């Protein structure tokens, strides 16, 4: 699904932020990405959905070399990947339901109300469909962001510190949703600094842990 061979990324004139990364992320896998603040976790995720392109090495996503894709090709690739950003990035003038369905509206696909209700029920937000983003709690915002990320039925879900601002109980609720997605066949990659979250997941699902350290990607040990 994602394959990297000696991939590096850096801004022009600024040196490499990530270097010599090799990875195979198979379909249906569950991975965590760890590393110190500023180590490049968000940059790595952006490479995974072609928001950034490698400056060295070879990278394929869904067996497509990302550096050879044109604008339409990148757009098509991104429709197959759901992203939960660290900042939920809602449009504050739209109610929750319309924020969740934005990817479908942008792509020109019809919004099916029964499917939307089922999705909002899955994230326990069916009673908040008309609520404005400012009225939502942190946990509600993150669950709404997850609903938005999966409304197009992507094959992969990437989440950038999705529990960073949540208490433990709410973190566990969100983690359970991500585990359910993985059990349904979707590939899941979560960037987090929370080792307790990783331990909780590893008790339920065969999760592997990647670590960015010294600009390089490593497979973490089994002691987490």
C-alpha atoms as a PDB file:
ATOM      1  CA  UNK A   1       0.000   0.000   0.000  1.00  0.00           C
ATOM      2  CA  UNK A   2       2.846   2.376   0.901  1.00  0.00           C
ATOM      3  CA  UNK A   3       6.433   1.550   0.032  1.00  0.00           C
ATOM      4  CA  UNK A   4       9.474   3.740   0.568  1.00  0.00           C
ATOM      5  CA  UNK A   5      12.988   3.017  -0.614  1.00  0.00           C
ATOM      6  CA  UNK A   6      15.689   5.330   0.745  1.00  0.00           C
ATOM      7  CA  UNK A   7      13.228   8.226   0.820  1.00  0.00           C
ATOM      8  CA  UNK A   8      14.320  11.642   2.019  1.00  0.00           C
ATOM      9  CA  UNK A   9      12.574  14.983   2.341  1.00  0.00           C
ATOM     10  CA  UNK A  10      13.941  18.484   2.777  1.00  0.00           C
ATOM     11  CA  UNK A  11      13.085  22.019   1.806  1.00  0.00           C
ATOM     12  CA  UNK A  12      15.251  23.691  -0.792  1.00  0.00           C
ATOM     13  CA  UNK A  13      18.276  25.249   0.863  1.00  0.00           C
ATOM     14  CA  UNK A  14      17.287  23.957   4.292  1.00  0.00           C
ATOM     15  CA  UNK A  15      18.847  20.502   4.425  1.00  0.00           C
ATOM     16  CA  UNK A  16      17.059  17.189   4.907  1.00  0.00           C
ATOM     17  CA  UNK A  17      14.393  16.853   7.611  1.00  0.00           C
ATOM     18  CA  UNK A  18      13.993  13.112   7.025  1.00  0.00           C
ATOM     19  CA  UNK A  19      16.511  10.848   5.329  1.00  0.00           C
ATOM     20  CA  UNK A  20      17.148   7.298   4.138  1.00  0.00           C
ATOM     21  CA  UNK A  21      13.688   5.952   5.050  1.00  0.00           C
ATOM     22  CA  UNK A  22      12.676   2.486   3.834  1.00  0.00           C
ATOM     23  CA  UNK A  23       9.290   1.037   4.702  1.00  0.00           C
ATOM     24  CA  UNK A  24       6.577  -1.348   3.551  1.00  0.00           C
ATOM     25  CA  UNK A  25       3.105  -0.600   4.920  1.00  0.00           C
ATOM     26  CA  UNK A  26       0.857  -3.481   3.807  1.00  0.00           C
ATOM     27  CA  UNK A  27      -2.927  -3.310   3.369  1.00  0.00           C
ATOM     28  CA  UNK A  28      -4.890  -3.918   6.555  1.00  0.00           C
ATOM     29  CA  UNK A  29      -1.964  -3.179   8.866  1.00  0.00           C
ATOM     30  CA  UNK A  30      -2.037  -1.053  12.027  1.00  0.00           C
ATOM     31  CA  UNK A  31       0.973   1.125  12.762  1.00  0.00           C
ATOM     32  CA  UNK A  32       1.904   3.766  15.292  1.00  0.00           C
ATOM     33  CA  UNK A  33       4.470   6.468  14.541  1.00  0.00           C
ATOM     34  CA  UNK A  34       6.401   7.898  17.482  1.00  0.00           C
ATOM     35  CA  UNK A  35       9.279  10.295  17.998  1.00  0.00           C
ATOM     36  CA  UNK A  36      10.198  13.466  19.872  1.00  0.00           C
ATOM     37  CA  UNK A  37       8.364  16.714  19.171  1.00  0.00           C
ATOM     38  CA  UNK A  38       9.766  18.225  16.004  1.00  0.00           C
ATOM     39  CA  UNK A  39      11.200  14.923  14.778  1.00  0.00           C
ATOM     40  CA  UNK A  40       9.109  14.964  11.604  1.00  0.00           C
ATOM     41  CA  UNK A  41       6.019  12.855  12.356  1.00  0.00           C
ATOM     42  CA  UNK A  42       3.630  15.281  10.648  1.00  0.00           C
ATOM     43  CA  UNK A  43       6.015  15.631   7.703  1.00  0.00           C
ATOM     44  CA  UNK A  44       6.079  11.840   7.378  1.00  0.00           C
ATOM     45  CA  UNK A  45       2.276  11.669   7.318  1.00  0.00           C
ATOM     46  CA  UNK A  46       2.143  14.409   4.692  1.00  0.00           C
ATOM     47  CA  UNK A  47       4.455  12.320   2.521  1.00  0.00           C
ATOM     48  CA  UNK A  48       2.068   9.381   2.930  1.00  0.00           C
ATOM     49  CA  UNK A  49      -0.845  11.257   1.363  1.00  0.00           C
ATOM     50  CA  UNK A  50       1.274  13.162  -1.172  1.00  0.00           C
ATOM     51  CA  UNK A  51       0.800  16.568   0.405  1.00  0.00           C
ATOM     52  CA  UNK A  52       4.605  16.610   0.253  1.00  0.00           C
ATOM     53  CA  UNK A  53       6.719  14.712  -2.257  1.00  0.00           C
ATOM     54  CA  UNK A  54      10.079  13.038  -1.585  1.00  0.00           C
ATOM     55  CA  UNK A  55      13.179  14.956  -2.544  1.00  0.00           C
ATOM     56  CA  UNK A  56      15.173  11.721  -2.862  1.00  0.00           C
ATOM     57  CA  UNK A  57      14.472   8.009  -3.084  1.00  0.00           C
ATOM     58  CA  UNK A  58      11.478   6.122  -4.454  1.00  0.00           C
ATOM     59  CA  UNK A  59       7.982   6.042  -2.960  1.00  0.00           C
ATOM     60  CA  UNK A  60       4.811   4.344  -4.135  1.00  0.00           C
ATOM     61  CA  UNK A  61       1.302   4.635  -2.708  1.00  0.00           C
ATOM     62  CA  UNK A  62      -1.255   2.108  -3.976  1.00  0.00           C
ATOM     63  CA  UNK A  63       1.532   0.927  -6.313  1.00  0.00           C
ATOM     64  CA  UNK A  64       1.744   4.368  -7.944  1.00  0.00           C
ATOM     65  CA  UNK A  65       5.046   6.310  -7.917  1.00  0.00           C
ATOM     66  CA  UNK A  66       3.985   9.558  -6.245  1.00  0.00           C
ATOM     67  CA  UNK A  67       6.557  11.740  -8.013  1.00  0.00           C
ATOM     68  CA  UNK A  68       5.088  10.721 -11.385  1.00  0.00           C
ATOM     69  CA  UNK A  69       1.483  11.631 -10.562  1.00  0.00           C
ATOM     70  CA  UNK A  70      -0.089  14.718 -12.062  1.00  0.00           C
ATOM     71  CA  UNK A  71      -2.524  16.940 -10.186  1.00  0.00           C
ATOM     72  CA  UNK A  72      -5.528  14.734 -10.990  1.00  0.00           C
ATOM     73  CA  UNK A  73      -3.592  11.631 -10.003  1.00  0.00           C
ATOM     74  CA  UNK A  74      -2.702  13.076  -6.619  1.00  0.00           C
ATOM     75  CA  UNK A  75      -6.320  14.120  -6.055  1.00  0.00           C
ATOM     76  CA  UNK A  76      -7.482  10.583  -6.872  1.00  0.00           C
ATOM     77  CA  UNK A  77      -4.897   9.123  -4.502  1.00  0.00           C
ATOM     78  CA  UNK A  78      -6.009  11.390  -1.658  1.00  0.00           C
ATOM     79  CA  UNK A  79      -9.610  10.255  -2.054  1.00  0.00           C
ATOM     80  CA  UNK A  80      -8.404   6.798  -1.020  1.00  0.00           C
ATOM     81  CA  UNK A  81      -6.823   8.098   2.198  1.00  0.00           C
ATOM     82  CA  UNK A  82      -8.678   9.620   5.140  1.00  0.00           C
ATOM     83  CA  UNK A  83      -6.719  12.075   7.285  1.00  0.00           C
ATOM     84  CA  UNK A  84      -7.438  13.209  10.848  1.00  0.00           C
ATOM     85  CA  UNK A  85      -5.352  16.326  11.382  1.00  0.00           C
ATOM     86  CA  UNK A  86      -3.988  17.446  14.728  1.00  0.00           C
ATOM     87  CA  UNK A  87      -5.982  20.633  14.208  1.00  0.00           C
ATOM     88  CA  UNK A  88      -9.471  19.506  13.171  1.00  0.00           C
ATOM     89  CA  UNK A  89      -9.795  22.449  10.751  1.00  0.00           C
ATOM     90  CA  UNK A  90     -13.577  22.782  10.704  1.00  0.00           C
ATOM     91  CA  UNK A  91     -15.467  25.547   8.921  1.00  0.00           C
ATOM     92  CA  UNK A  92     -16.957  27.369  11.876  1.00  0.00           C
ATOM     93  CA  UNK A  93     -19.992  28.690   9.956  1.00  0.00           C
ATOM     94  CA  UNK A  94     -21.210  25.189   9.034  1.00  0.00           C
ATOM     95  CA  UNK A  95     -22.896  22.708  11.395  1.00  0.00           C
ATOM     96  CA  UNK A  96     -21.232  19.406  12.203  1.00  0.00           C
ATOM     97  CA  UNK A  97     -23.105  17.353   9.594  1.00  0.00           C
ATOM     98  CA  UNK A  98     -22.111  19.721   6.784  1.00  0.00           C
ATOM     99  CA  UNK A  99     -18.474  19.730   7.937  1.00  0.00           C
ATOM    100  CA  UNK A 100     -18.463  15.935   7.920  1.00  0.00           C
ATOM    101  CA  UNK A 101     -19.893  15.747   4.397  1.00  0.00           C
ATOM    102  CA  UNK A 102     -17.560  18.373   2.885  1.00  0.00           C
ATOM    103  CA  UNK A 103     -15.324  15.767   1.155  1.00  0.00           C
ATOM    104  CA  UNK A 104     -18.362  14.409  -0.697  1.00  0.00           C
ATOM    105  CA  UNK A 105     -19.584  17.865  -1.669  1.00  0.00           C
ATOM    106  CA  UNK A 106     -16.134  18.821  -2.984  1.00  0.00           C
ATOM    107  CA  UNK A 107     -15.871  15.611  -5.007  1.00  0.00           C
ATOM    108  CA  UNK A 108     -19.361  16.073  -6.446  1.00  0.00           C
ATOM    109  CA  UNK A 109     -20.802  12.925  -4.875  1.00  0.00           C
ATOM    110  CA  UNK A 110     -24.358  12.910  -3.498  1.00  0.00           C
ATOM    111  CA  UNK A 111     -24.767  12.818   0.269  1.00  0.00           C
ATOM    112  CA  UNK A 112     -26.931   9.874   1.286  1.00  0.00           C
ATOM    113  CA  UNK A 113     -28.773  10.834   4.470  1.00  0.00           C
ATOM    114  CA  UNK A 114     -29.205   7.270   5.821  1.00  0.00           C
ATOM    115  CA  UNK A 115     -25.478   6.599   5.414  1.00  0.00           C
ATOM    116  CA  UNK A 116     -24.642   9.921   7.077  1.00  0.00           C
ATOM    117  CA  UNK A 117     -26.897   9.110  10.032  1.00  0.00           C
ATOM    118  CA  UNK A 118     -25.279   5.700  10.365  1.00  0.00           C
ATOM    119  CA  UNK A 119     -21.818   7.300  10.345  1.00  0.00           C
ATOM    120  CA  UNK A 120     -22.750   9.914  12.944  1.00  0.00           C
ATOM    121  CA  UNK A 121     -24.289   7.172  15.066  1.00  0.00           C
ATOM    122  CA  UNK A 122     -21.046   5.182  14.838  1.00  0.00           C
ATOM    123  CA  UNK A 123     -19.065   8.110  16.302  1.00  0.00           C
ATOM    124  CA  UNK A 124     -21.858   8.827  18.827  1.00  0.00           C
ATOM    125  CA  UNK A 125     -22.700  12.236  17.383  1.00  0.00           C
ATOM    126  CA  UNK A 126     -26.160  11.659  15.922  1.00  0.00           C
ATOM    127  CA  UNK A 127     -27.634  14.191  18.369  1.00  0.00           C
ATOM    128  CA  UNK A 128     -25.073  16.841  17.365  1.00  0.00           C
ATOM    129  CA  UNK A 129     -25.685  16.922  13.611  1.00  0.00           C
ATOM    130  CA  UNK A 130     -26.816  20.577  13.649  1.00  0.00           C
ATOM    131  CA  UNK A 131     -24.357  21.709  16.341  1.00  0.00           C
ATOM    132  CA  UNK A 132     -21.798  24.337  15.348  1.00  0.00           C
ATOM    133  CA  UNK A 133     -18.101  23.435  15.755  1.00  0.00           C
ATOM    134  CA  UNK A 134     -17.556  26.003  18.524  1.00  0.00           C
ATOM    135  CA  UNK A 135     -20.152  24.211  20.670  1.00  0.00           C
ATOM    136  CA  UNK A 136     -18.394  20.835  20.494  1.00  0.00           C
ATOM    137  CA  UNK A 137     -16.069  19.431  23.132  1.00  0.00           C
ATOM    138  CA  UNK A 138     -12.567  18.288  22.226  1.00  0.00           C
ATOM    139  CA  UNK A 139     -13.634  14.656  22.074  1.00  0.00           C
ATOM    140  CA  UNK A 140     -16.662  15.469  19.939  1.00  0.00           C
ATOM    141  CA  UNK A 141     -14.513  17.456  17.522  1.00  0.00           C
ATOM    142  CA  UNK A 142     -12.056  14.580  17.144  1.00  0.00           C
ATOM    143  CA  UNK A 143     -14.820  12.049  16.553  1.00  0.00           C
ATOM    144  CA  UNK A 144     -16.370  14.399  13.995  1.00  0.00           C
ATOM    145  CA  UNK A 145     -12.962  14.706  12.328  1.00  0.00           C
ATOM    146  CA  UNK A 146     -12.732  10.919  12.154  1.00  0.00           C
ATOM    147  CA  UNK A 147     -16.219  10.722  10.616  1.00  0.00           C
ATOM    148  CA  UNK A 148     -15.184  13.273   7.992  1.00  0.00           C
ATOM    149  CA  UNK A 149     -12.002  11.314   7.285  1.00  0.00           C
ATOM    150  CA  UNK A 150     -13.881   8.073   6.554  1.00  0.00           C
ATOM    151  CA  UNK A 151     -17.017   9.370   4.836  1.00  0.00           C
ATOM    152  CA  UNK A 152     -15.524   8.579   1.415  1.00  0.00           C
ATOM    153  CA  UNK A 153     -14.779   4.983   2.521  1.00  0.00           C
ATOM    154  CA  UNK A 154     -10.992   5.325   2.217  1.00  0.00           C
ATOM    155  CA  UNK A 155      -8.669   2.331   2.218  1.00  0.00           C
ATOM    156  CA  UNK A 156      -6.282   3.970   4.664  1.00  0.00           C
ATOM    157  CA  UNK A 157      -6.714   6.283   7.661  1.00  0.00           C
ATOM    158  CA  UNK A 158      -3.898   8.530   8.916  1.00  0.00           C
ATOM    159  CA  UNK A 159      -4.295  10.279  12.271  1.00  0.00           C
ATOM    160  CA  UNK A 160      -1.907  12.945  13.552  1.00  0.00           C
ATOM    161  CA  UNK A 161      -1.890  13.042  17.391  1.00  0.00           C
ATOM    162  CA  UNK A 162      -5.669  12.428  17.465  1.00  0.00           C
ATOM    163  CA  UNK A 163      -5.761  12.069  21.261  1.00  0.00           C
ATOM    164  CA  UNK A 164      -3.247  14.777  22.108  1.00  0.00           C
ATOM    165  CA  UNK A 165      -5.789  17.063  23.790  1.00  0.00           C
ATOM    166  CA  UNK A 166      -8.152  14.404  25.170  1.00  0.00           C
ATOM    167  CA  UNK A 167      -8.466  12.795  28.578  1.00  0.00           C
ATOM    168  CA  UNK A 168      -7.832   9.065  28.910  1.00  0.00           C
ATOM    169  CA  UNK A 169     -11.452   7.922  28.684  1.00  0.00           C
ATOM    170  CA  UNK A 170     -12.057   9.945  25.540  1.00  0.00           C
ATOM    171  CA  UNK A 171      -8.752   8.757  24.095  1.00  0.00           C
ATOM    172  CA  UNK A 172      -9.886   5.167  24.575  1.00  0.00           C
ATOM    173  CA  UNK A 173     -13.208   5.859  22.830  1.00  0.00           C
ATOM    174  CA  UNK A 174     -11.393   7.277  19.828  1.00  0.00           C
ATOM    175  CA  UNK A 175      -8.874   4.432  19.820  1.00  0.00           C
ATOM    176  CA  UNK A 176     -11.705   1.882  19.765  1.00  0.00           C
ATOM    177  CA  UNK A 177     -13.135   3.533  16.658  1.00  0.00           C
ATOM    178  CA  UNK A 178      -9.748   3.327  14.931  1.00  0.00           C
ATOM    179  CA  UNK A 179      -9.379  -0.323  15.931  1.00  0.00           C
ATOM    180  CA  UNK A 180     -12.846  -1.038  14.511  1.00  0.00           C
ATOM    181  CA  UNK A 181     -11.788   0.557  11.230  1.00  0.00           C
ATOM    182  CA  UNK A 182      -8.702  -1.643  11.122  1.00  0.00           C
ATOM    183  CA  UNK A 183     -10.736  -4.768  11.853  1.00  0.00           C
ATOM    184  CA  UNK A 184     -12.963  -3.856   8.916  1.00  0.00           C
ATOM    185  CA  UNK A 185      -9.896  -4.047   6.671  1.00  0.00           C
ATOM    186  CA  UNK A 186      -8.610  -0.483   6.597  1.00  0.00           C
ATOM    187  CA  UNK A 187      -4.953   0.362   7.064  1.00  0.00           C
ATOM    188  CA  UNK A 188      -4.416   2.648  10.074  1.00  0.00           C
ATOM    189  CA  UNK A 189      -1.374   4.789  10.897  1.00  0.00           C
ATOM    190  CA  UNK A 190      -1.449   6.923  14.051  1.00  0.00           C
ATOM    191  CA  UNK A 191       1.218   9.463  14.986  1.00  0.00           C
ATOM    192  CA  UNK A 192       1.384   9.822  18.757  1.00  0.00           C
ATOM    193  CA  UNK A 193       3.738  10.467  21.658  1.00  0.00           C
ATOM    194  CA  UNK A 194       1.460   8.606  24.094  1.00  0.00           C
ATOM    195  CA  UNK A 195       3.065   5.235  24.890  1.00  0.00           C
ATOM    196  CA  UNK A 196       0.110   4.241  27.087  1.00  0.00           C
ATOM    197  CA  UNK A 197      -2.165   4.594  24.070  1.00  0.00           C
ATOM    198  CA  UNK A 198       0.141   2.312  22.093  1.00  0.00           C
ATOM    199  CA  UNK A 199       0.193  -0.275  24.880  1.00  0.00           C
ATOM    200  CA  UNK A 200      -3.612  -0.218  25.076  1.00  0.00           C
ATOM    201  CA  UNK A 201      -3.887  -0.789  21.335  1.00  0.00           C
ATOM    202  CA  UNK A 202      -1.295  -3.573  21.259  1.00  0.00           C
ATOM    203  CA  UNK A 203      -3.410  -5.497  23.771  1.00  0.00           C
ATOM    204  CA  UNK A 204      -6.200  -5.627  21.182  1.00  0.00           C
ATOM    205  CA  UNK A 205      -4.665  -5.509  17.725  1.00  0.00           C
ATOM    206  CA  UNK A 206      -1.408  -6.530  16.036  1.00  0.00           C
ATOM    207  CA  UNK A 207       0.066  -3.037  15.928  1.00  0.00           C
ATOM    208  CA  UNK A 208       3.633  -2.296  14.883  1.00  0.00           C
ATOM    209  CA  UNK A 209       5.486   0.760  16.115  1.00  0.00           C
ATOM    210  CA  UNK A 210       7.685   3.013  13.998  1.00  0.00           C
ATOM    211  CA  UNK A 211       9.950   5.638  15.504  1.00  0.00           C
ATOM    212  CA  UNK A 212      11.558   8.675  13.908  1.00  0.00           C
ATOM    213  CA  UNK A 213      14.910   9.408  15.495  1.00  0.00           C
ATOM    214  CA  UNK A 214      17.879  11.258  14.082  1.00  0.00           C
ATOM    215  CA  UNK A 215      15.959  12.014  10.871  1.00  0.00           C
ATOM    216  CA  UNK A 216      15.571   8.289  10.210  1.00  0.00           C
ATOM    217  CA  UNK A 217      12.710   5.837  10.492  1.00  0.00           C
ATOM    218  CA  UNK A 218      13.206   2.828  12.773  1.00  0.00           C
ATOM    219  CA  UNK A 219      11.092  -0.149  13.781  1.00  0.00           C
ATOM    220  CA  UNK A 220      10.675   0.191  17.545  1.00  0.00           C
ATOM    221  CA  UNK A 221      11.282  -2.721  19.878  1.00  0.00           C
ATOM    222  CA  UNK A 222       8.597  -4.860  21.492  1.00  0.00           C
ATOM    223  CA  UNK A 223       9.049  -3.290  24.943  1.00  0.00           C
ATOM    224  CA  UNK A 224       6.495  -0.501  24.430  1.00  0.00           C
END
